[in-house]
Amino acid sequence: MGLLAAGIATAATGGPAQAAEGIAVTHDDVRTVANPHHHVAYDDSFAVHQLGSVTAARVGNQAIATSAGCTADDACRSVALSFQVVTLAGDHVRLNAINNGRARNEHCTGCQTLAGAYQFVVSTPKPTRLTPTAQRRLADIHRRLDALGSSRLPAADLKRRADALAAEVTALLAQPSSMTAGTAPHTRPSVTVHRHLDGWPAH
């Protein structure tokens, strides 16, 4: 399969998933805000979009975390993590993959703010789908990502945990056994990973 890059940017826009005449558009967005009224904010998304055969695709993924108005003695923590998995097939697909993570500290001394956007684009020559086993394994990774929300780990440790989960996703998607008909047993799917993390304090 050939992918013709139509551009990769660090700002995401888009709307609901749609497909028409071989063109697919999908966008995922996670936002969190921590402030003196809500000191801890955590949210994550783990979206899987199986687009099938397309001629062009625009896929957007964004995570924005904001901490505002807290003090060093009464600090806040805001964490937003977005995992987006996209599978697509076709020859010479025009792909515009946009992935952005942004952390904002607004008058927030000593606050911890982490935004992480992880985008996994899986391409195959012919239409294929994730196997039930692969989908169950992805669901398990999603559960472990959700579990980070109840932890009291500092943002730096959450970043390492998120990176470890992302590595599991990448390894899983790269296995031919993760895909159904359309991929020969000896052919490894092409997996492109975009990772954008932003955080305060900087790590």
N, C-alpha and C. Protein backbone atom coordinates (compact mmCIF):
# COMPACT_ATOMS: atom_id res chain seq x y z
N MET A 1 0.84 -1.19 0.00
CA MET A 1 0.00 0.00 0.00
C MET A 1 0.87 1.24 0.00
N GLY A 2 0.44 2.29 -0.72
CA GLY A 2 1.19 3.53 -0.71
C GLY A 2 0.41 4.60 0.01
N LEU A 3 1.10 5.36 0.87
CA LEU A 3 0.49 6.48 1.57
C LEU A 3 1.13 7.75 1.04
N LEU A 4 0.32 8.66 0.54
CA LEU A 4 0.81 9.94 0.08
C LEU A 4 0.49 10.96 1.16
N ALA A 5 1.50 11.43 1.85
CA ALA A 5 1.27 12.35 2.97
C ALA A 5 0.77 13.68 2.46
N ALA A 6 -0.42 14.05 2.92
CA ALA A 6 -0.99 15.34 2.55
C ALA A 6 -0.62 16.41 3.55
N GLY A 7 0.12 16.02 4.60
CA GLY A 7 0.56 16.99 5.59
C GLY A 7 0.33 16.51 6.99
N ILE A 8 1.29 16.78 7.88
CA ILE A 8 1.16 16.46 9.29
C ILE A 8 1.37 17.75 10.06
N ALA A 9 0.38 18.15 10.86
CA ALA A 9 0.46 19.41 11.59
C ALA A 9 0.37 19.13 13.08
N THR A 10 0.55 20.20 13.89
CA THR A 10 0.46 20.05 15.33
C THR A 10 -0.75 20.77 15.90
N ALA A 11 -1.71 21.06 15.07
CA ALA A 11 -2.99 21.60 15.53
C ALA A 11 -4.09 20.78 14.89
N ALA A 12 -5.05 20.38 15.68
CA ALA A 12 -6.07 19.46 15.17
C ALA A 12 -7.41 20.14 15.01
N THR A 13 -8.04 19.88 13.87
CA THR A 13 -9.42 20.30 13.67
C THR A 13 -10.14 19.14 13.02
N GLY A 14 -11.44 19.18 13.03
CA GLY A 14 -12.17 18.10 12.39
C GLY A 14 -13.54 17.95 13.00
N GLY A 15 -14.26 16.92 12.56
CA GLY A 15 -15.60 16.70 13.04
C GLY A 15 -15.85 15.24 13.22
N PRO A 16 -17.10 14.82 13.22
CA PRO A 16 -17.45 13.42 13.42
C PRO A 16 -16.91 12.55 12.29
N ALA A 17 -16.72 11.28 12.59
CA ALA A 17 -16.23 10.35 11.57
C ALA A 17 -17.24 10.28 10.44
N GLN A 18 -16.73 10.29 9.21
CA GLN A 18 -17.60 10.17 8.06
C GLN A 18 -16.80 9.58 6.90
N ALA A 19 -17.49 9.01 5.92
CA ALA A 19 -16.83 8.48 4.75
C ALA A 19 -17.74 8.66 3.56
N ALA A 20 -17.18 9.19 2.46
CA ALA A 20 -17.96 9.38 1.25
C ALA A 20 -17.02 9.32 0.06
N GLU A 21 -17.39 8.52 -0.93
CA GLU A 21 -16.61 8.38 -2.14
C GLU A 21 -15.15 8.05 -1.83
N GLY A 22 -14.94 7.16 -0.88
CA GLY A 22 -13.60 6.72 -0.56
C GLY A 22 -12.79 7.69 0.27
N ILE A 23 -13.44 8.74 0.81
CA ILE A 23 -12.75 9.72 1.65
C ILE A 23 -13.25 9.57 3.09
N ALA A 24 -12.34 9.43 4.03
CA ALA A 24 -12.71 9.23 5.43
C ALA A 24 -12.16 10.37 6.28
N VAL A 25 -12.97 10.83 7.24
CA VAL A 25 -12.56 11.89 8.17
C VAL A 25 -12.95 11.45 9.57
N THR A 26 -12.01 11.53 10.51
CA THR A 26 -12.35 11.20 11.89
C THR A 26 -11.49 12.04 12.82
N HIS A 27 -12.03 12.37 13.99
CA HIS A 27 -11.33 13.24 14.93
C HIS A 27 -11.67 12.84 16.36
N ASP A 28 -10.64 12.78 17.21
CA ASP A 28 -10.83 12.49 18.63
C ASP A 28 -10.19 13.60 19.45
N ASP A 29 -10.84 13.95 20.58
CA ASP A 29 -10.42 15.12 21.34
C ASP A 29 -10.67 14.86 22.82
N VAL A 30 -9.64 15.07 23.65
CA VAL A 30 -9.77 14.95 25.10
C VAL A 30 -9.28 16.25 25.74
N ARG A 31 -10.07 16.78 26.66
CA ARG A 31 -9.69 18.03 27.34
C ARG A 31 -9.96 17.90 28.84
N THR A 32 -9.03 18.40 29.64
CA THR A 32 -9.22 18.41 31.09
C THR A 32 -8.85 19.79 31.64
N VAL A 33 -9.51 20.17 32.74
CA VAL A 33 -9.22 21.44 33.41
C VAL A 33 -9.20 21.19 34.92
N ALA A 34 -8.08 21.55 35.56
CA ALA A 34 -7.98 21.50 37.02
C ALA A 34 -7.87 22.94 37.52
N ASN A 35 -8.55 23.22 38.65
CA ASN A 35 -8.54 24.57 39.20
C ASN A 35 -8.81 24.48 40.71
N PRO A 36 -8.87 25.59 41.43
CA PRO A 36 -9.08 25.53 42.88
C PRO A 36 -10.37 24.83 43.29
N HIS A 37 -11.34 24.73 42.43
CA HIS A 37 -12.60 24.06 42.75
C HIS A 37 -12.57 22.57 42.39
N HIS A 38 -11.62 22.18 41.55
CA HIS A 38 -11.52 20.79 41.09
C HIS A 38 -10.03 20.51 40.88
N HIS A 39 -9.35 20.09 41.97
CA HIS A 39 -7.89 20.04 41.97
C HIS A 39 -7.30 18.95 41.08
N VAL A 40 -8.01 17.87 40.89
CA VAL A 40 -7.48 16.76 40.09
C VAL A 40 -8.43 16.49 38.93
N ALA A 41 -7.89 16.55 37.73
CA ALA A 41 -8.69 16.27 36.54
C ALA A 41 -7.95 15.25 35.68
N TYR A 42 -8.64 14.18 35.32
CA TYR A 42 -8.05 13.15 34.46
C TYR A 42 -9.12 12.68 33.48
N ASP A 43 -8.72 12.56 32.22
CA ASP A 43 -9.62 11.97 31.24
C ASP A 43 -8.77 11.33 30.15
N ASP A 44 -9.30 10.28 29.56
CA ASP A 44 -8.59 9.64 28.47
C ASP A 44 -9.59 9.15 27.43
N SER A 45 -9.07 8.91 26.25
CA SER A 45 -9.86 8.34 25.17
C SER A 45 -9.03 7.25 24.51
N PHE A 46 -9.72 6.18 24.11
CA PHE A 46 -9.05 5.10 23.38
C PHE A 46 -9.99 4.72 22.25
N ALA A 47 -9.78 5.33 21.10
CA ALA A 47 -10.70 5.17 19.98
C ALA A 47 -10.06 4.30 18.89
N VAL A 48 -10.87 3.40 18.33
CA VAL A 48 -10.42 2.54 17.23
C VAL A 48 -11.33 2.80 16.04
N HIS A 49 -10.76 3.25 14.93
CA HIS A 49 -11.51 3.54 13.71
C HIS A 49 -11.01 2.61 12.60
N GLN A 50 -11.87 1.70 12.15
CA GLN A 50 -11.51 0.79 11.07
C GLN A 50 -12.18 1.31 9.79
N LEU A 51 -11.41 2.00 8.97
CA LEU A 51 -11.96 2.75 7.85
C LEU A 51 -12.14 1.93 6.59
N GLY A 52 -11.48 0.78 6.50
CA GLY A 52 -11.59 -0.03 5.30
C GLY A 52 -10.81 0.57 4.15
N SER A 53 -11.30 0.36 2.92
CA SER A 53 -10.61 0.84 1.73
C SER A 53 -10.97 2.30 1.47
N VAL A 54 -9.95 3.16 1.33
CA VAL A 54 -10.18 4.58 1.12
C VAL A 54 -9.20 5.10 0.07
N THR A 55 -9.53 6.21 -0.53
CA THR A 55 -8.61 6.89 -1.43
C THR A 55 -7.90 8.05 -0.72
N ALA A 56 -8.56 8.58 0.32
CA ALA A 56 -7.98 9.67 1.09
C ALA A 56 -8.54 9.63 2.50
N ALA A 57 -7.75 10.08 3.46
CA ALA A 57 -8.21 10.10 4.85
C ALA A 57 -7.60 11.28 5.58
N ARG A 58 -8.41 11.89 6.42
CA ARG A 58 -7.95 12.94 7.33
C ARG A 58 -8.27 12.46 8.73
N VAL A 59 -7.25 12.21 9.53
CA VAL A 59 -7.45 11.68 10.87
C VAL A 59 -6.80 12.63 11.87
N GLY A 60 -7.60 13.07 12.83
CA GLY A 60 -7.13 14.03 13.81
C GLY A 60 -7.24 13.49 15.23
N ASN A 61 -6.25 13.81 16.04
CA ASN A 61 -6.23 13.35 17.42
C ASN A 61 -5.64 14.47 18.28
N GLN A 62 -6.32 14.79 19.39
CA GLN A 62 -5.88 15.92 20.21
C GLN A 62 -6.13 15.67 21.69
N ALA A 63 -5.17 16.10 22.51
CA ALA A 63 -5.31 16.07 23.97
C ALA A 63 -4.86 17.42 24.51
N ILE A 64 -5.70 18.06 25.29
CA ILE A 64 -5.37 19.36 25.88
C ILE A 64 -5.65 19.30 27.38
N ALA A 65 -4.62 19.58 28.19
CA ALA A 65 -4.76 19.59 29.65
C ALA A 65 -4.45 21.00 30.15
N THR A 66 -5.29 21.49 31.05
CA THR A 66 -5.12 22.85 31.58
C THR A 66 -5.16 22.82 33.10
N SER A 67 -4.20 23.52 33.72
CA SER A 67 -4.25 23.77 35.16
C SER A 67 -4.29 25.28 35.35
N ALA A 68 -5.19 25.74 36.20
CA ALA A 68 -5.37 27.19 36.31
C ALA A 68 -5.66 27.62 37.74
N GLY A 69 -4.97 28.66 38.19
CA GLY A 69 -5.33 29.36 39.41
C GLY A 69 -4.97 28.69 40.72
N CYS A 70 -4.20 27.60 40.70
CA CYS A 70 -3.80 26.95 41.95
C CYS A 70 -2.46 27.50 42.44
N THR A 71 -2.08 27.16 43.65
CA THR A 71 -0.83 27.63 44.23
C THR A 71 0.04 26.45 44.61
N ALA A 72 1.31 26.73 44.94
CA ALA A 72 2.24 25.66 45.33
C ALA A 72 1.76 24.95 46.58
N ASP A 73 1.09 25.65 47.48
CA ASP A 73 0.57 25.03 48.70
C ASP A 73 -0.74 24.29 48.47
N ASP A 74 -1.36 24.54 47.35
CA ASP A 74 -2.66 23.94 47.04
C ASP A 74 -2.68 23.61 45.54
N ALA A 75 -1.73 22.75 45.15
CA ALA A 75 -1.46 22.52 43.73
C ALA A 75 -2.54 21.67 43.05
N CYS A 76 -2.57 21.79 41.74
CA CYS A 76 -3.52 21.03 40.92
C CYS A 76 -2.77 20.01 40.05
N ARG A 77 -3.53 19.04 39.53
CA ARG A 77 -2.98 18.12 38.55
C ARG A 77 -4.03 17.87 37.47
N SER A 78 -3.63 18.11 36.21
CA SER A 78 -4.53 17.93 35.08
C SER A 78 -3.84 17.03 34.06
N VAL A 79 -4.53 15.94 33.68
CA VAL A 79 -3.95 14.97 32.74
C VAL A 79 -4.98 14.62 31.68
N ALA A 80 -4.60 14.76 30.41
CA ALA A 80 -5.45 14.38 29.28
C ALA A 80 -4.63 13.47 28.35
N LEU A 81 -5.16 12.28 28.07
CA LEU A 81 -4.46 11.31 27.22
C LEU A 81 -5.43 10.81 26.15
N SER A 82 -5.00 10.85 24.91
CA SER A 82 -5.85 10.38 23.82
C SER A 82 -5.07 9.38 22.96
N PHE A 83 -5.60 8.15 22.90
CA PHE A 83 -5.04 7.10 22.04
C PHE A 83 -6.00 6.92 20.86
N GLN A 84 -5.47 7.01 19.65
CA GLN A 84 -6.30 6.84 18.46
C GLN A 84 -5.67 5.79 17.55
N VAL A 85 -6.43 4.73 17.25
CA VAL A 85 -6.01 3.68 16.34
C VAL A 85 -6.84 3.79 15.07
N VAL A 86 -6.17 3.86 13.93
CA VAL A 86 -6.85 3.95 12.64
C VAL A 86 -6.31 2.86 11.72
N THR A 87 -7.19 2.04 11.15
CA THR A 87 -6.77 1.08 10.14
C THR A 87 -7.40 1.48 8.81
N LEU A 88 -6.60 1.38 7.75
CA LEU A 88 -7.10 1.72 6.42
C LEU A 88 -6.35 0.93 5.37
N ALA A 89 -6.94 0.87 4.18
CA ALA A 89 -6.35 0.09 3.09
C ALA A 89 -6.54 0.82 1.78
N GLY A 90 -5.66 0.52 0.83
CA GLY A 90 -5.77 1.10 -0.50
C GLY A 90 -4.41 1.39 -1.09
N ASP A 91 -4.38 1.65 -2.37
CA ASP A 91 -3.15 2.00 -3.06
C ASP A 91 -3.05 3.51 -3.19
N HIS A 92 -1.91 4.05 -2.78
CA HIS A 92 -1.65 5.48 -2.91
C HIS A 92 -2.70 6.33 -2.20
N VAL A 93 -2.98 5.96 -0.96
CA VAL A 93 -3.94 6.72 -0.15
C VAL A 93 -3.34 8.08 0.21
N ARG A 94 -4.11 9.13 0.02
CA ARG A 94 -3.68 10.45 0.46
C ARG A 94 -4.09 10.62 1.92
N LEU A 95 -3.08 10.66 2.79
CA LEU A 95 -3.33 10.69 4.23
C LEU A 95 -2.89 12.01 4.84
N ASN A 96 -3.79 12.63 5.59
CA ASN A 96 -3.48 13.81 6.38
C ASN A 96 -3.67 13.43 7.83
N ALA A 97 -2.58 13.16 8.53
CA ALA A 97 -2.63 12.71 9.93
C ALA A 97 -2.20 13.87 10.82
N ILE A 98 -3.09 14.27 11.71
CA ILE A 98 -2.86 15.43 12.57
C ILE A 98 -2.93 14.96 14.02
N ASN A 99 -1.89 15.24 14.79
CA ASN A 99 -1.80 14.74 16.16
C ASN A 99 -1.20 15.83 17.04
N ASN A 100 -1.88 16.15 18.14
CA ASN A 100 -1.44 17.28 18.96
C ASN A 100 -1.73 17.04 20.44
N GLY A 101 -0.71 17.25 21.28
CA GLY A 101 -0.88 17.25 22.72
C GLY A 101 -0.41 18.59 23.27
N ARG A 102 -1.24 19.23 24.09
CA ARG A 102 -0.87 20.55 24.60
C ARG A 102 -1.22 20.68 26.07
N ALA A 103 -0.23 21.09 26.87
CA ALA A 103 -0.44 21.32 28.30
C ALA A 103 -0.37 22.82 28.56
N ARG A 104 -1.34 23.32 29.34
CA ARG A 104 -1.40 24.74 29.63
C ARG A 104 -1.41 24.97 31.14
N ASN A 105 -0.49 25.78 31.61
CA ASN A 105 -0.50 26.24 33.00
C ASN A 105 -0.84 27.72 33.00
N GLU A 106 -1.96 28.06 33.61
CA GLU A 106 -2.41 29.44 33.64
C GLU A 106 -2.41 29.93 35.08
N HIS A 107 -1.38 30.70 35.43
CA HIS A 107 -1.24 31.22 36.80
C HIS A 107 -1.39 30.08 37.81
N CYS A 108 -0.62 29.04 37.61
CA CYS A 108 -0.76 27.83 38.42
C CYS A 108 0.63 27.37 38.89
N THR A 109 1.05 27.89 40.02
CA THR A 109 2.38 27.61 40.56
C THR A 109 2.43 26.20 41.15
N GLY A 110 3.44 25.43 40.74
CA GLY A 110 3.63 24.09 41.30
C GLY A 110 2.66 23.05 40.80
N CYS A 111 1.89 23.37 39.77
CA CYS A 111 0.90 22.42 39.27
C CYS A 111 1.53 21.41 38.31
N GLN A 112 0.90 20.26 38.20
CA GLN A 112 1.33 19.23 37.27
C GLN A 112 0.30 19.12 36.15
N THR A 113 0.77 19.25 34.92
CA THR A 113 -0.12 19.25 33.77
C THR A 113 0.50 18.40 32.68
N LEU A 114 -0.24 17.42 32.19
CA LEU A 114 0.29 16.51 31.17
C LEU A 114 -0.77 16.27 30.10
N ALA A 115 -0.38 16.48 28.85
CA ALA A 115 -1.23 16.15 27.71
C ALA A 115 -0.46 15.22 26.79
N GLY A 116 -1.08 14.09 26.46
CA GLY A 116 -0.42 13.12 25.60
C GLY A 116 -1.35 12.65 24.49
N ALA A 117 -0.91 12.81 23.25
CA ALA A 117 -1.68 12.35 22.08
C ALA A 117 -0.88 11.26 21.39
N TYR A 118 -1.49 10.09 21.25
CA TYR A 118 -0.85 8.94 20.60
C TYR A 118 -1.73 8.51 19.43
N GLN A 119 -1.15 8.49 18.25
CA GLN A 119 -1.91 8.15 17.06
C GLN A 119 -1.22 6.99 16.33
N PHE A 120 -1.98 5.93 16.06
CA PHE A 120 -1.44 4.73 15.43
C PHE A 120 -2.19 4.51 14.11
N VAL A 121 -1.49 4.62 13.00
CA VAL A 121 -2.10 4.44 11.68
C VAL A 121 -1.60 3.13 11.09
N VAL A 122 -2.52 2.19 10.88
CA VAL A 122 -2.19 0.87 10.36
C VAL A 122 -2.66 0.78 8.91
N SER A 123 -1.75 0.51 7.99
CA SER A 123 -2.12 0.43 6.58
C SER A 123 -1.81 -0.95 6.02
N THR A 124 -2.72 -1.44 5.19
CA THR A 124 -2.58 -2.73 4.53
C THR A 124 -2.98 -2.57 3.06
N PRO A 125 -2.47 -3.44 2.18
CA PRO A 125 -2.81 -3.30 0.76
C PRO A 125 -4.29 -3.52 0.47
N LYS A 126 -4.91 -4.47 1.19
CA LYS A 126 -6.31 -4.79 0.96
C LYS A 126 -7.10 -4.61 2.25
N PRO A 127 -8.41 -4.39 2.14
CA PRO A 127 -9.23 -4.18 3.34
C PRO A 127 -9.12 -5.35 4.32
N THR A 128 -9.00 -5.02 5.57
CA THR A 128 -8.89 -6.02 6.62
C THR A 128 -9.44 -5.43 7.91
N ARG A 129 -9.62 -6.28 8.90
CA ARG A 129 -10.12 -5.82 10.19
C ARG A 129 -9.31 -6.45 11.30
N LEU A 130 -9.34 -5.80 12.45
CA LEU A 130 -8.69 -6.36 13.62
C LEU A 130 -9.42 -7.63 14.05
N THR A 131 -8.69 -8.64 14.43
CA THR A 131 -9.30 -9.89 14.87
C THR A 131 -9.97 -9.68 16.23
N PRO A 132 -10.91 -10.54 16.60
CA PRO A 132 -11.52 -10.44 17.93
C PRO A 132 -10.47 -10.49 19.04
N THR A 133 -9.43 -11.31 18.87
CA THR A 133 -8.37 -11.39 19.88
C THR A 133 -7.65 -10.06 20.01
N ALA A 134 -7.33 -9.45 18.88
CA ALA A 134 -6.64 -8.16 18.92
C ALA A 134 -7.53 -7.09 19.57
N GLN A 135 -8.83 -7.13 19.27
CA GLN A 135 -9.73 -6.15 19.86
C GLN A 135 -9.85 -6.34 21.36
N ARG A 136 -9.82 -7.59 21.82
CA ARG A 136 -9.86 -7.83 23.27
C ARG A 136 -8.59 -7.32 23.93
N ARG A 137 -7.45 -7.49 23.28
CA ARG A 137 -6.19 -7.01 23.85
C ARG A 137 -6.16 -5.49 23.89
N LEU A 138 -6.69 -4.86 22.86
CA LEU A 138 -6.78 -3.40 22.88
C LEU A 138 -7.72 -2.93 23.99
N ALA A 139 -8.81 -3.65 24.19
CA ALA A 139 -9.75 -3.30 25.27
C ALA A 139 -9.08 -3.40 26.63
N ASP A 140 -8.20 -4.40 26.79
CA ASP A 140 -7.47 -4.55 28.05
C ASP A 140 -6.52 -3.37 28.27
N ILE A 141 -5.84 -2.94 27.20
CA ILE A 141 -4.96 -1.78 27.32
C ILE A 141 -5.79 -0.53 27.66
N HIS A 142 -6.98 -0.43 27.06
CA HIS A 142 -7.86 0.69 27.37
C HIS A 142 -8.24 0.68 28.86
N ARG A 143 -8.55 -0.47 29.39
CA ARG A 143 -8.91 -0.56 30.82
C ARG A 143 -7.75 -0.10 31.70
N ARG A 144 -6.54 -0.47 31.32
CA ARG A 144 -5.38 -0.06 32.12
C ARG A 144 -5.10 1.43 31.97
N LEU A 145 -5.42 1.99 30.80
CA LEU A 145 -5.30 3.43 30.64
C LEU A 145 -6.32 4.14 31.53
N ASP A 146 -7.55 3.64 31.57
CA ASP A 146 -8.58 4.21 32.45
C ASP A 146 -8.15 4.15 33.91
N ALA A 147 -7.48 3.04 34.29
CA ALA A 147 -7.09 2.85 35.68
C ALA A 147 -6.09 3.90 36.15
N LEU A 148 -5.36 4.50 35.22
CA LEU A 148 -4.42 5.55 35.62
C LEU A 148 -5.14 6.74 36.23
N GLY A 149 -6.41 6.90 35.88
CA GLY A 149 -7.17 8.02 36.39
C GLY A 149 -7.38 7.97 37.89
N SER A 150 -7.41 6.78 38.47
CA SER A 150 -7.63 6.65 39.91
C SER A 150 -6.32 6.59 40.69
N SER A 151 -5.20 6.64 39.98
CA SER A 151 -3.90 6.58 40.66
C SER A 151 -3.52 7.96 41.18
N ARG A 152 -2.60 7.98 42.12
CA ARG A 152 -2.10 9.24 42.64
C ARG A 152 -0.67 9.49 42.16
N LEU A 153 -0.30 8.85 41.07
CA LEU A 153 1.05 9.00 40.54
C LEU A 153 1.28 10.41 40.04
N PRO A 154 2.50 10.93 40.20
CA PRO A 154 2.81 12.24 39.62
C PRO A 154 2.77 12.17 38.10
N ALA A 155 2.67 13.33 37.47
CA ALA A 155 2.53 13.38 36.01
C ALA A 155 3.69 12.70 35.29
N ALA A 156 4.91 12.82 35.83
CA ALA A 156 6.07 12.20 35.17
C ALA A 156 5.92 10.69 35.12
N ASP A 157 5.38 10.09 36.20
CA ASP A 157 5.18 8.64 36.21
C ASP A 157 4.02 8.24 35.30
N LEU A 158 2.98 9.07 35.26
CA LEU A 158 1.88 8.78 34.34
C LEU A 158 2.35 8.80 32.89
N LYS A 159 3.26 9.71 32.59
CA LYS A 159 3.82 9.76 31.24
C LYS A 159 4.52 8.45 30.89
N ARG A 160 5.31 7.94 31.82
CA ARG A 160 6.02 6.67 31.57
C ARG A 160 5.03 5.51 31.41
N ARG A 161 3.98 5.50 32.21
CA ARG A 161 2.96 4.45 32.07
C ARG A 161 2.26 4.54 30.72
N ALA A 162 1.92 5.75 30.31
CA ALA A 162 1.26 5.93 29.02
C ALA A 162 2.17 5.49 27.87
N ASP A 163 3.44 5.82 27.95
CA ASP A 163 4.39 5.40 26.92
C ASP A 163 4.48 3.88 26.85
N ALA A 164 4.46 3.23 28.00
CA ALA A 164 4.54 1.77 28.02
C ALA A 164 3.30 1.15 27.38
N LEU A 165 2.12 1.72 27.67
CA LEU A 165 0.90 1.21 27.04
C LEU A 165 0.92 1.44 25.53
N ALA A 166 1.44 2.59 25.11
CA ALA A 166 1.55 2.87 23.68
C ALA A 166 2.47 1.88 22.99
N ALA A 167 3.54 1.48 23.67
CA ALA A 167 4.45 0.49 23.09
C ALA A 167 3.75 -0.85 22.91
N GLU A 168 2.87 -1.20 23.85
CA GLU A 168 2.10 -2.44 23.71
C GLU A 168 1.17 -2.37 22.49
N VAL A 169 0.53 -1.22 22.31
CA VAL A 169 -0.37 -1.05 21.16
C VAL A 169 0.41 -1.21 19.87
N THR A 170 1.56 -0.57 19.78
CA THR A 170 2.38 -0.64 18.56
C THR A 170 2.79 -2.07 18.24
N ALA A 171 3.26 -2.78 19.26
CA ALA A 171 3.70 -4.16 19.05
C ALA A 171 2.54 -5.05 18.60
N LEU A 172 1.36 -4.84 19.18
CA LEU A 172 0.20 -5.64 18.81
C LEU A 172 -0.22 -5.37 17.36
N LEU A 173 -0.30 -4.11 16.99
CA LEU A 173 -0.78 -3.77 15.65
C LEU A 173 0.19 -4.21 14.56
N ALA A 174 1.45 -4.36 14.89
CA ALA A 174 2.45 -4.75 13.90
C ALA A 174 2.43 -6.25 13.60
N GLN A 175 1.68 -7.02 14.37
CA GLN A 175 1.64 -8.47 14.17
C GLN A 175 0.63 -8.84 13.08
N PRO A 176 1.05 -9.61 12.08
CA PRO A 176 0.09 -10.05 11.04
C PRO A 176 -1.11 -10.78 11.62
N SER A 177 -0.92 -11.48 12.72
CA SER A 177 -2.02 -12.25 13.32
C SER A 177 -3.09 -11.35 13.92
N SER A 178 -2.83 -10.05 14.02
CA SER A 178 -3.83 -9.13 14.58
C SER A 178 -4.88 -8.74 13.56
N MET A 179 -4.63 -9.07 12.29
CA MET A 179 -5.54 -8.67 11.22
C MET A 179 -6.20 -9.88 10.59
N THR A 180 -7.43 -9.70 10.10
CA THR A 180 -8.15 -10.78 9.44
C THR A 180 -7.77 -10.82 7.97
N ALA A 181 -8.59 -11.47 7.14
CA ALA A 181 -8.29 -11.65 5.72
C ALA A 181 -7.92 -10.35 5.05
N GLY A 182 -6.97 -10.44 4.13
CA GLY A 182 -6.49 -9.25 3.44
C GLY A 182 -5.01 -9.06 3.63
N THR A 183 -4.47 -9.64 4.70
CA THR A 183 -3.04 -9.56 4.96
C THR A 183 -2.47 -10.97 4.96
N ALA A 184 -1.52 -11.23 4.09
CA ALA A 184 -0.90 -12.55 4.04
C ALA A 184 -0.20 -12.84 5.35
N PRO A 185 -0.15 -14.13 5.77
CA PRO A 185 0.45 -14.47 7.05
C PRO A 185 1.86 -13.94 7.24
N HIS A 186 2.63 -13.83 6.15
CA HIS A 186 4.01 -13.39 6.27
C HIS A 186 4.17 -11.89 6.11
N THR A 187 3.08 -11.18 5.88
CA THR A 187 3.14 -9.74 5.65
C THR A 187 2.81 -8.98 6.92
N ARG A 188 3.71 -8.11 7.33
CA ARG A 188 3.46 -7.29 8.52
C ARG A 188 2.74 -6.01 8.12
N PRO A 189 1.66 -5.67 8.80
CA PRO A 189 1.00 -4.39 8.52
C PRO A 189 1.97 -3.23 8.73
N SER A 190 1.81 -2.18 7.97
CA SER A 190 2.62 -0.98 8.16
C SER A 190 1.98 -0.13 9.27
N VAL A 191 2.74 0.13 10.33
CA VAL A 191 2.23 0.89 11.47
C VAL A 191 3.04 2.17 11.62
N THR A 192 2.36 3.31 11.52
CA THR A 192 3.00 4.60 11.73
C THR A 192 2.47 5.18 13.05
N VAL A 193 3.39 5.57 13.92
CA VAL A 193 3.01 6.08 15.24
C VAL A 193 3.39 7.55 15.34
N HIS A 194 2.42 8.37 15.74
CA HIS A 194 2.67 9.78 16.03
C HIS A 194 2.45 9.98 17.53
N ARG A 195 3.43 10.54 18.20
CA ARG A 195 3.37 10.73 19.66
C ARG A 195 3.71 12.18 19.96
N HIS A 196 2.84 12.85 20.69
CA HIS A 196 3.08 14.23 21.06
C HIS A 196 2.69 14.43 22.51
N LEU A 197 3.70 14.65 23.36
CA LEU A 197 3.44 14.90 24.77
C LEU A 197 3.93 16.29 25.14
N ASP A 198 3.18 16.91 26.04
CA ASP A 198 3.53 18.24 26.54
C ASP A 198 3.22 18.24 28.01
N GLY A 199 4.08 18.86 28.82
CA GLY A 199 3.82 18.81 30.25
C GLY A 199 4.51 19.89 31.05
N TRP A 200 3.90 20.17 32.21
CA TRP A 200 4.47 21.09 33.20
C TRP A 200 4.47 20.37 34.55
N PRO A 201 5.57 20.38 35.28
CA PRO A 201 6.85 20.93 34.83
C PRO A 201 7.41 20.11 33.66
N ALA A 202 8.26 20.71 32.85
CA ALA A 202 8.83 20.02 31.68
C ALA A 202 9.67 18.84 32.14
N HIS A 203 9.60 17.73 31.38
CA HIS A 203 10.33 16.51 31.74
C HIS A 203 11.29 16.18 30.61
